[in-house]
PDB file of N, CA and C in Angstrom:
ATOM      1  N   MET A   1       3.837  10.762   9.236  1.00  0.00           N
ATOM      2  CA  MET A   1       4.740  10.522   7.588  1.00  0.00           C
ATOM      3  C   MET A   1       5.273  11.830   7.973  1.00  0.00           C
ATOM      4  N   THR A   2       5.107  11.786   6.377  1.00  0.00           N
ATOM      5  CA  THR A   2       6.183  13.356   5.986  1.00  0.00           C
ATOM      6  C   THR A   2       5.443  14.611   5.777  1.00  0.00           C
ATOM      7  N   GLY A   3       3.906  14.661   6.387  1.00  0.00           N
ATOM      8  CA  GLY A   3       2.650  15.288   5.620  1.00  0.00           C
ATOM      9  C   GLY A   3       2.825  15.582   3.898  1.00  0.00           C
ATOM     10  N   ARG A   4       3.014  14.872   3.849  1.00  0.00           N
ATOM     11  CA  ARG A   4       2.413  14.699   2.577  1.00  0.00           C
ATOM     12  C   ARG A   4       1.246  14.336   2.426  1.00  0.00           C
ATOM     13  N   PRO A   5       0.363  14.570   1.488  1.00  0.00           N
ATOM     14  CA  PRO A   5      -0.849  13.594   1.342  1.00  0.00           C
ATOM     15  C   PRO A   5      -0.249  12.029   0.847  1.00  0.00           C
ATOM     16  N   MET A   6      -1.324  10.841   1.447  1.00  0.00           N
ATOM     17  CA  MET A   6      -1.258   9.789   1.672  1.00  0.00           C
ATOM     18  C   MET A   6      -2.258   9.466   0.448  1.00  0.00           C
ATOM     19  N   PRO A   7      -2.580   7.758  -0.335  1.00  0.00           N
ATOM     20  CA  PRO A   7      -3.978   7.785  -0.411  1.00  0.00           C
ATOM     21  C   PRO A   7      -4.960   6.890   0.028  1.00  0.00           C
ATOM     22  N   GLY A   8      -6.127   7.486  -0.223  1.00  0.00           N
ATOM     23  CA  GLY A   8      -7.166   6.897   1.088  1.00  0.00           C
ATOM     24  C   GLY A   8      -7.552   5.685   0.774  1.00  0.00           C
ATOM     25  N   PRO A   9      -8.324   5.619   1.343  1.00  0.00           N
ATOM     26  CA  PRO A   9      -9.188   3.394   1.327  1.00  0.00           C
ATOM     27  C   PRO A   9      -9.333   3.668   0.199  1.00  0.00           C
ATOM     28  N   GLY A  10      -9.832   2.430  -0.911  1.00  0.00           N
ATOM     29  CA  GLY A  10     -10.177   2.586  -1.525  1.00  0.00           C
ATOM     30  C   GLY A  10      -9.659   2.490  -3.074  1.00  0.00           C
ATOM     31  N   THR A  11      -8.159   3.664  -3.046  1.00  0.00           N
ATOM     32  CA  THR A  11      -7.514   4.045  -3.728  1.00  0.00           C
ATOM     33  C   THR A  11      -6.372   2.496  -4.252  1.00  0.00           C
ATOM     34  N   ARG A  12      -6.298   2.131  -5.812  1.00  0.00           N
ATOM     35  CA  ARG A  12      -5.239   1.744  -6.186  1.00  0.00           C
ATOM     36  C   ARG A  12      -3.980   1.911  -6.611  1.00  0.00           C
ATOM     37  N   VAL A  13      -2.497   1.219  -6.013  1.00  0.00           N
ATOM     38  CA  VAL A  13      -1.158   1.240  -6.261  1.00  0.00           C
ATOM     39  C   VAL A  13      -0.776   0.121  -6.536  1.00  0.00           C
ATOM     40  N   SER A  14       0.168   0.139  -7.177  1.00  0.00           N
ATOM     41  CA  SER A  14       0.768  -0.242  -8.195  1.00  0.00           C
ATOM     42  C   SER A  14       2.649  -0.268  -7.570  1.00  0.00           C
ATOM     43  N   VAL A  15       2.775  -1.219  -6.746  1.00  0.00           N
ATOM     44  CA  VAL A  15       3.602  -1.318  -6.317  1.00  0.00           C
ATOM     45  C   VAL A  15       5.160  -2.693  -6.794  1.00  0.00           C
ATOM     46  N   ARG A  16       6.237  -1.909  -6.796  1.00  0.00           N
ATOM     47  CA  ARG A  16       7.406  -3.171  -8.108  1.00  0.00           C
ATOM     48  C   ARG A  16       8.334  -3.579  -7.425  1.00  0.00           C
ATOM     49  N   PRO A  17       9.176  -4.492  -7.493  1.00  0.00           N
ATOM     50  CA  PRO A  17      10.627  -4.602  -6.780  1.00  0.00           C
ATOM     51  C   PRO A  17      10.806  -3.912  -6.149  1.00  0.00           C
ATOM     52  N   ALA A  18      11.176  -3.576  -4.548  1.00  0.00           N
ATOM     53  CA  ALA A  18      11.914  -2.728  -3.727  1.00  0.00           C
ATOM     54  C   ALA A  18      10.987  -1.674  -3.538  1.00  0.00           C
ATOM     55  N   GLU A  19       9.719  -1.599  -3.903  1.00  0.00           N
ATOM     56  CA  GLU A  19       8.833  -0.439  -3.410  1.00  0.00           C
ATOM     57  C   GLU A  19       8.159  -0.334  -1.828  1.00  0.00           C
ATOM     58  N   TRP A  20       8.889  -1.720  -1.564  1.00  0.00           N
ATOM     59  CA  TRP A  20       7.688  -2.422  -0.606  1.00  0.00           C
ATOM     60  C   TRP A  20       8.437  -3.629   0.075  1.00  0.00           C
ATOM     61  N   GLN A  21       7.959  -3.335   1.202  1.00  0.00           N
ATOM     62  CA  GLN A  21       8.690  -4.531   2.605  1.00  0.00           C
ATOM     63  C   GLN A  21       7.890  -5.550   2.850  1.00  0.00           C
ATOM     64  N   PRO A  22       7.833  -6.674   3.069  1.00  0.00           N
ATOM     65  CA  PRO A  22       7.110  -7.717   3.785  1.00  0.00           C
ATOM     66  C   PRO A  22       7.201  -7.707   5.404  1.00  0.00           C
ATOM     67  N   SER A  23       8.651  -6.681   6.187  1.00  0.00           N
ATOM     68  CA  SER A  23       8.445  -6.378   6.971  1.00  0.00           C
ATOM     69  C   SER A  23       9.908  -5.542   7.104  1.00  0.00           C
ATOM     70  N   PRO A  24      10.275  -5.403   7.862  1.00  0.00           N
ATOM     71  CA  PRO A  24      11.309  -3.741   7.987  1.00  0.00           C
ATOM     72  C   PRO A  24      12.796  -4.412   7.997  1.00  0.00           C
ATOM     73  N   GLY A  25      12.867  -4.437   6.947  1.00  0.00           N
ATOM     74  CA  GLY A  25      14.418  -4.610   6.529  1.00  0.00           C
ATOM     75  C   GLY A  25      14.572  -5.413   5.094  1.00  0.00           C
ATOM     76  N   ILE A  26      13.750  -6.098   4.954  1.00  0.00           N
ATOM     77  CA  ILE A  26      13.305  -7.423   3.456  1.00  0.00           C
ATOM     78  C   ILE A  26      12.426  -6.630   2.649  1.00  0.00           C
ATOM     79  N   GLU A  27      13.178  -6.209   1.259  1.00  0.00           N
ATOM     80  CA  GLU A  27      13.024  -5.975   0.360  1.00  0.00           C
ATOM     81  C   GLU A  27      11.999  -6.646  -0.373  1.00  0.00           C
ATOM     82  N   GLY A  28      10.713  -6.135  -0.962  1.00  0.00           N
ATOM     83  CA  GLY A  28       9.434  -7.393  -2.145  1.00  0.00           C
ATOM     84  C   GLY A  28      10.293  -7.354  -2.898  1.00  0.00           C
ATOM     85  N   GLN A  29       9.859  -9.098  -3.704  1.00  0.00           N
ATOM     86  CA  GLN A  29      10.963  -8.953  -5.225  1.00  0.00           C
ATOM     87  C   GLN A  29      10.047  -9.254  -5.979  1.00  0.00           C
ATOM     88  N   THR A  30       8.849  -8.883  -5.815  1.00  0.00           N
ATOM     89  CA  THR A  30       7.527  -8.904  -6.635  1.00  0.00           C
ATOM     90  C   THR A  30       6.571  -7.990  -6.480  1.00  0.00           C
ATOM     91  N   TYR A  31       5.775  -8.059  -8.265  1.00  0.00           N
ATOM     92  CA  TYR A  31       4.762  -6.517  -8.211  1.00  0.00           C
ATOM     93  C   TYR A  31       3.756  -7.048  -8.516  1.00  0.00           C
ATOM     94  N   HIS A  32       3.608  -5.983  -6.933  1.00  0.00           N
ATOM     95  CA  HIS A  32       2.117  -6.417  -6.773  1.00  0.00           C
ATOM     96  C   HIS A  32       0.475  -5.139  -6.454  1.00  0.00           C
ATOM     97  N   ASP A  33      -0.637  -5.232  -6.925  1.00  0.00           N
ATOM     98  CA  ASP A  33      -1.290  -4.106  -7.221  1.00  0.00           C
ATOM     99  C   ASP A  33      -2.219  -4.802  -5.625  1.00  0.00           C
ATOM    100  N   ILE A  34      -2.554  -3.389  -4.922  1.00  0.00           N
ATOM    101  CA  ILE A  34      -3.292  -3.466  -3.997  1.00  0.00           C
ATOM    102  C   ILE A  34      -3.899  -2.379  -3.656  1.00  0.00           C
ATOM    103  N   VAL A  35      -5.549  -2.354  -2.865  1.00  0.00           N
ATOM    104  CA  VAL A  35      -6.354  -1.322  -3.107  1.00  0.00           C
ATOM    105  C   VAL A  35      -6.012  -1.235  -1.327  1.00  0.00           C
ATOM    106  N   ILE A  36      -5.937  -0.043  -1.088  1.00  0.00           N
ATOM    107  CA  ILE A  36      -5.543   0.893   0.580  1.00  0.00           C
ATOM    108  C   ILE A  36      -6.702   0.379   1.091  1.00  0.00           C
ATOM    109  N   VAL A  37      -6.406   0.096   1.878  1.00  0.00           N
ATOM    110  CA  VAL A  37      -7.480   0.165   3.700  1.00  0.00           C
ATOM    111  C   VAL A  37      -7.177   1.240   4.698  1.00  0.00           C
ATOM    112  N   SER A  38      -5.812   1.887   4.476  1.00  0.00           N
ATOM    113  CA  SER A  38      -5.522   2.661   5.498  1.00  0.00           C
ATOM    114  C   SER A  38      -3.848   2.384   5.498  1.00  0.00           C
ATOM    115  N   VAL A  39      -3.168   4.057   5.520  1.00  0.00           N
ATOM    116  CA  VAL A  39      -1.774   3.935   5.765  1.00  0.00           C
ATOM    117  C   VAL A  39      -1.750   4.292   7.628  1.00  0.00           C
ATOM    118  N   HIS A  40      -0.439   3.834   7.768  1.00  0.00           N
ATOM    119  CA  HIS A  40       0.019   4.381   9.138  1.00  0.00           C
ATOM    120  C   HIS A  40       1.558   4.612   9.140  1.00  0.00           C
ATOM    121  N   GLU A  41       1.966   5.179  10.117  1.00  0.00           N
ATOM    122  CA  GLU A  41       2.943   5.223  10.252  1.00  0.00           C
ATOM    123  C   GLU A  41       4.163   4.329  10.888  1.00  0.00           C
ATOM    124  N   SER A  42       5.449   4.117  10.483  1.00  0.00           N
ATOM    125  CA  SER A  42       6.202   3.112  10.948  1.00  0.00           C
ATOM    126  C   SER A  42       7.583   4.151  11.104  1.00  0.00           C
ATOM    127  N   HIS A  43       8.390   3.327  11.777  1.00  0.00           N
ATOM    128  CA  HIS A  43       9.499   4.129  12.326  1.00  0.00           C
ATOM    129  C   HIS A  43      10.243   4.020  11.449  1.00  0.00           C
ATOM    130  N   ASP A  44      10.785   3.979  10.069  1.00  0.00           N
ATOM    131  CA  ASP A  44      11.668   4.103   9.295  1.00  0.00           C
ATOM    132  C   ASP A  44      10.935   4.982   8.830  1.00  0.00           C
ATOM    133  N   PRO A  45      11.471   6.507   8.170  1.00  0.00           N
ATOM    134  CA  PRO A  45      10.677   7.672   7.734  1.00  0.00           C
ATOM    135  C   PRO A  45      10.411   7.402   6.377  1.00  0.00           C
ATOM    136  N   ARG A  46      10.897   6.871   5.940  1.00  0.00           N
ATOM    137  CA  ARG A  46      10.699   6.239   3.873  1.00  0.00           C
ATOM    138  C   ARG A  46      10.119   5.300   3.642  1.00  0.00           C
ATOM    139  N   PHE A  47       8.820   4.690   5.029  1.00  0.00           N
ATOM    140  CA  PHE A  47       8.258   3.524   4.984  1.00  0.00           C
ATOM    141  C   PHE A  47       6.933   4.129   5.389  1.00  0.00           C
ATOM    142  N   ALA A  48       5.170   3.640   4.586  1.00  0.00           N
ATOM    143  CA  ALA A  48       4.276   3.290   6.020  1.00  0.00           C
ATOM    144  C   ALA A  48       3.784   2.035   5.551  1.00  0.00           C
ATOM    145  N   TRP A  49       3.516   1.790   7.165  1.00  0.00           N
ATOM    146  CA  TRP A  49       2.802   1.107   7.059  1.00  0.00           C
ATOM    147  C   TRP A  49       1.333   0.725   6.238  1.00  0.00           C
ATOM    148  N   VAL A  50       0.795  -0.012   5.740  1.00  0.00           N
ATOM    149  CA  VAL A  50      -0.096   0.299   4.633  1.00  0.00           C
ATOM    150  C   VAL A  50      -1.191  -1.408   5.258  1.00  0.00           C
ATOM    151  N   TYR A  51      -2.879  -1.047   5.604  1.00  0.00           N
ATOM    152  CA  TYR A  51      -3.284  -2.223   5.556  1.00  0.00           C
ATOM    153  C   TYR A  51      -4.281  -1.892   3.870  1.00  0.00           C
ATOM    154  N   ALA A  52      -4.008  -3.723   3.209  1.00  0.00           N
ATOM    155  CA  ALA A  52      -4.816  -3.606   1.931  1.00  0.00           C
ATOM    156  C   ALA A  52      -5.490  -4.719   1.897  1.00  0.00           C
ATOM    157  N   HIS A  53      -6.194  -4.648   0.022  1.00  0.00           N
ATOM    158  CA  HIS A  53      -6.625  -6.021   0.026  1.00  0.00           C
ATOM    159  C   HIS A  53      -6.070  -6.021  -1.304  1.00  0.00           C
ATOM    160  N   GLY A  54      -6.149  -7.295  -2.251  1.00  0.00           N
ATOM    161  CA  GLY A  54      -5.723  -7.481  -4.060  1.00  0.00           C
ATOM    162  C   GLY A  54      -7.070  -6.654  -4.618  1.00  0.00           C
ATOM    163  N   PRO A  55      -6.738  -6.229  -5.749  1.00  0.00           N
ATOM    164  CA  PRO A  55      -8.356  -5.928  -6.128  1.00  0.00           C
ATOM    165  C   PRO A  55      -8.842  -7.370  -6.384  1.00  0.00           C
ATOM    166  N   ASP A  56      -9.035  -8.267  -6.455  1.00  0.00           N
ATOM    167  CA  ASP A  56      -9.912  -9.572  -6.897  1.00  0.00           C
ATOM    168  C   ASP A  56     -10.634  -9.520  -5.125  1.00  0.00           C
ATOM    169  N   CYS A  57      -9.766  -9.589  -4.366  1.00  0.00           N
ATOM    170  CA  CYS A  57     -10.626  -9.313  -3.197  1.00  0.00           C
ATOM    171  C   CYS A  57     -11.441  -8.427  -2.483  1.00  0.00           C
ATOM    172  N   ALA A  58     -11.105  -7.047  -3.367  1.00  0.00           N
ATOM    173  CA  ALA A  58     -11.562  -5.896  -2.795  1.00  0.00           C
ATOM    174  C   ALA A  58     -12.632  -5.672  -3.455  1.00  0.00           C
ATOM    175  N   TRP A  59     -13.344  -6.479  -4.572  1.00  0.00           N
ATOM    176  CA  TRP A  59     -14.311  -6.211  -5.867  1.00  0.00           C
ATOM    177  C   TRP A  59     -15.718  -6.331  -4.715  1.00  0.00           C
ATOM    178  N   ARG A  60     -16.834  -5.707  -4.553  1.00  0.00           N
ATOM    179  CA  ARG A  60     -17.851  -6.241  -3.622  1.00  0.00           C
ATOM    180  C   ARG A  60     -18.558  -7.342  -4.262  1.00  0.00           C
ATOM    181  N   SER A  61     -18.356  -8.282  -4.960  1.00  0.00           N
ATOM    182  CA  SER A  61     -18.804  -9.237  -5.523  1.00  0.00           C
ATOM    183  C   SER A  61     -17.884 -10.978  -5.013  1.00  0.00           C
ATOM    184  N   ALA A  62     -17.111 -10.246  -3.462  1.00  0.00           N
ATOM    185  CA  ALA A  62     -16.126 -10.622  -3.730  1.00  0.00           C
ATOM    186  C   ALA A  62     -16.300 -11.366  -2.370  1.00  0.00           C
ATOM    187  N   ASP A  63     -15.697 -12.417  -1.634  1.00  0.00           N
ATOM    188  CA  ASP A  63     -16.740 -13.061   0.252  1.00  0.00           C
ATOM    189  C   ASP A  63     -15.480 -12.554   1.000  1.00  0.00           C
ATOM    190  N   CYS A  64     -14.557 -11.743   0.420  1.00  0.00           N
ATOM    191  CA  CYS A  64     -13.288 -11.812   1.893  1.00  0.00           C
ATOM    192  C   CYS A  64     -14.268 -10.987   2.515  1.00  0.00           C
ATOM    193  N   THR A  65     -14.150 -11.201   4.284  1.00  0.00           N
ATOM    194  CA  THR A  65     -14.705 -10.797   5.062  1.00  0.00           C
ATOM    195  C   THR A  65     -13.736  -9.767   6.111  1.00  0.00           C
ATOM    196  N   ARG A  66     -12.263 -10.539   5.547  1.00  0.00           N
ATOM    197  CA  ARG A  66     -11.290  -9.854   6.670  1.00  0.00           C
ATOM    198  C   ARG A  66     -11.051  -8.284   6.502  1.00  0.00           C
ATOM    199  N   PRO A  67     -10.654  -7.385   7.350  1.00  0.00           N
ATOM    200  CA  PRO A  67     -10.603  -6.110   7.324  1.00  0.00           C
ATOM    201  C   PRO A  67      -9.156  -5.645   6.256  1.00  0.00           C
ATOM    202  N   PHE A  68      -8.330  -6.471   6.513  1.00  0.00           N
ATOM    203  CA  PHE A  68      -7.093  -6.630   5.043  1.00  0.00           C
ATOM    204  C   PHE A  68      -6.828  -7.829   4.715  1.00  0.00           C
ATOM    205  N   CYS A  69      -5.841  -7.497   3.382  1.00  0.00           N
ATOM    206  CA  CYS A  69      -5.400  -9.296   3.250  1.00  0.00           C
ATOM    207  C   CYS A  69      -3.690  -8.773   3.384  1.00  0.00           C
ATOM    208  N   PHE A  70      -3.734  -7.205   2.861  1.00  0.00           N
ATOM    209  CA  PHE A  70      -1.642  -7.475   3.100  1.00  0.00           C
ATOM    210  C   PHE A  70      -1.569  -6.556   4.161  1.00  0.00           C
ATOM    211  N   GLU A  71      -0.500  -6.374   4.496  1.00  0.00           N
ATOM    212  CA  GLU A  71      -0.440  -5.632   5.551  1.00  0.00           C
ATOM    213  C   GLU A  71       2.017  -5.689   6.138  1.00  0.00           C
ATOM    214  N   VAL A  72       1.699  -4.357   4.817  1.00  0.00           N
ATOM    215  CA  VAL A  72       3.105  -4.295   4.041  1.00  0.00           C
ATOM    216  C   VAL A  72       3.484  -2.873   4.637  1.00  0.00           C
ATOM    217  N   LEU A  73       5.042  -2.901   4.719  1.00  0.00           N
ATOM    218  CA  LEU A  73       5.565  -1.573   4.194  1.00  0.00           C
ATOM    219  C   LEU A  73       5.771  -0.558   3.021  1.00  0.00           C
ATOM    220  N   VAL A  74       5.218   0.329   2.510  1.00  0.00           N
ATOM    221  CA  VAL A  74       5.461   1.021   1.165  1.00  0.00           C
ATOM    222  C   VAL A  74       5.921   1.997   1.199  1.00  0.00           C
ATOM    223  N   ASN A  75       6.765   2.368   0.070  1.00  0.00           N
ATOM    224  CA  ASN A  75       7.837   4.037  -0.038  1.00  0.00           C
ATOM    225  C   ASN A  75       7.058   4.774   0.028  1.00  0.00           C
ATOM    226  N   VAL A  76       7.350   5.876   0.948  1.00  0.00           N
ATOM    227  CA  VAL A  76       5.628   6.657   0.698  1.00  0.00           C
ATOM    228  C   VAL A  76       6.412   8.167  -0.590  1.00  0.00           C
ATOM    229  N   ASP A  77       7.314   7.777  -0.969  1.00  0.00           N
ATOM    230  CA  ASP A  77       7.366   8.682  -2.467  1.00  0.00           C
ATOM    231  C   ASP A  77       6.328   7.533  -3.537  1.00  0.00           C
ATOM    232  N   VAL A  78       6.536   6.336  -2.859  1.00  0.00           N
ATOM    233  CA  VAL A  78       5.481   5.644  -4.360  1.00  0.00           C
ATOM    234  C   VAL A  78       3.679   6.155  -3.525  1.00  0.00           C
ATOM    235  N   LEU A  79       3.152   6.279  -1.970  1.00  0.00           N
ATOM    236  CA  LEU A  79       2.306   6.437  -2.175  1.00  0.00           C
ATOM    237  C   LEU A  79       1.497   8.130  -2.065  1.00  0.00           C
ATOM    238  N   ALA A  80       2.230   8.873  -2.231  1.00  0.00           N
ATOM    239  CA  ALA A  80       2.345  10.346  -2.080  1.00  0.00           C
ATOM    240  C   ALA A  80       2.431  10.750  -3.864  1.00  0.00           C
ATOM    241  N   ALA A  81       3.202   9.625  -4.512  1.00  0.00           N
ATOM    242  CA  ALA A  81       3.047  10.071  -6.279  1.00  0.00           C
ATOM    243  C   ALA A  81       1.219   9.270  -6.402  1.00  0.00           C
ATOM    244  N   ALA A  82       0.914   8.063  -5.833  1.00  0.00           N
ATOM    245  CA  ALA A  82      -0.209   7.523  -6.020  1.00  0.00           C
ATOM    246  C   ALA A  82      -1.533   8.827  -5.438  1.00  0.00           C
ATOM    247  N   ALA A  83      -1.463   9.535  -4.501  1.00  0.00           N
ATOM    248  CA  ALA A  83      -2.328  10.384  -3.943  1.00  0.00           C
ATOM    249  C   ALA A  83      -2.745  11.168  -4.725  1.00  0.00           C
ATOM    250  N   ALA A  84      -1.651  11.696  -5.282  1.00  0.00           N
ATOM    251  CA  ALA A  84      -1.037  13.536  -6.406  1.00  0.00           C
ATOM    252  C   ALA A  84      -2.511  12.208  -8.156  1.00  0.00           C
ATOM    253  N   GLY A  85      -2.235  10.957  -7.924  1.00  0.00           N
ATOM    254  CA  GLY A  85      -2.417  10.553  -9.063  1.00  0.00           C
ATOM    255  C   GLY A  85      -1.956  10.478 -10.807  1.00  0.00           C
ATOM    256  N   GLU A  86      -0.257  10.315  -9.640  1.00  0.00           N
ATOM    257  CA  GLU A  86       0.446  10.533 -10.794  1.00  0.00           C
ATOM    258  C   GLU A  86       1.631   9.046 -11.421  1.00  0.00           C
ATOM    259  N   ARG A  87       0.964   8.048 -10.329  1.00  0.00           N
ATOM    260  CA  ARG A  87       1.141   6.778 -11.379  1.00  0.00           C
ATOM    261  C   ARG A  87      -0.300   5.270 -10.625  1.00  0.00           C
ATOM    262  N   PRO A  88       0.152   4.659 -10.763  1.00  0.00           N
ATOM    263  CA  PRO A  88      -1.633   3.389 -11.064  1.00  0.00           C
ATOM    264  C   PRO A  88      -1.401   2.893  -9.422  1.00  0.00           C
TER     265      PRO A  88
END
């Protein structure tokens, strides 16, 4: 990635429209809160692949047994700001 800090597992990140992509080149049109499982490089240096759960799914009382529920591209500026505690 860009050598910038990325949020670690369990970090809650809010992504707004145009800050994420469900697949390369397709802009996300909705707002989502996600809880990071892991962050990975993508072919586009502006975005990173993020594996995540929804906040409800990530609670200890949730029954989700999947390793992640979301696989999306998220803008690295958003991820770096979340890692620095500059945004939710």
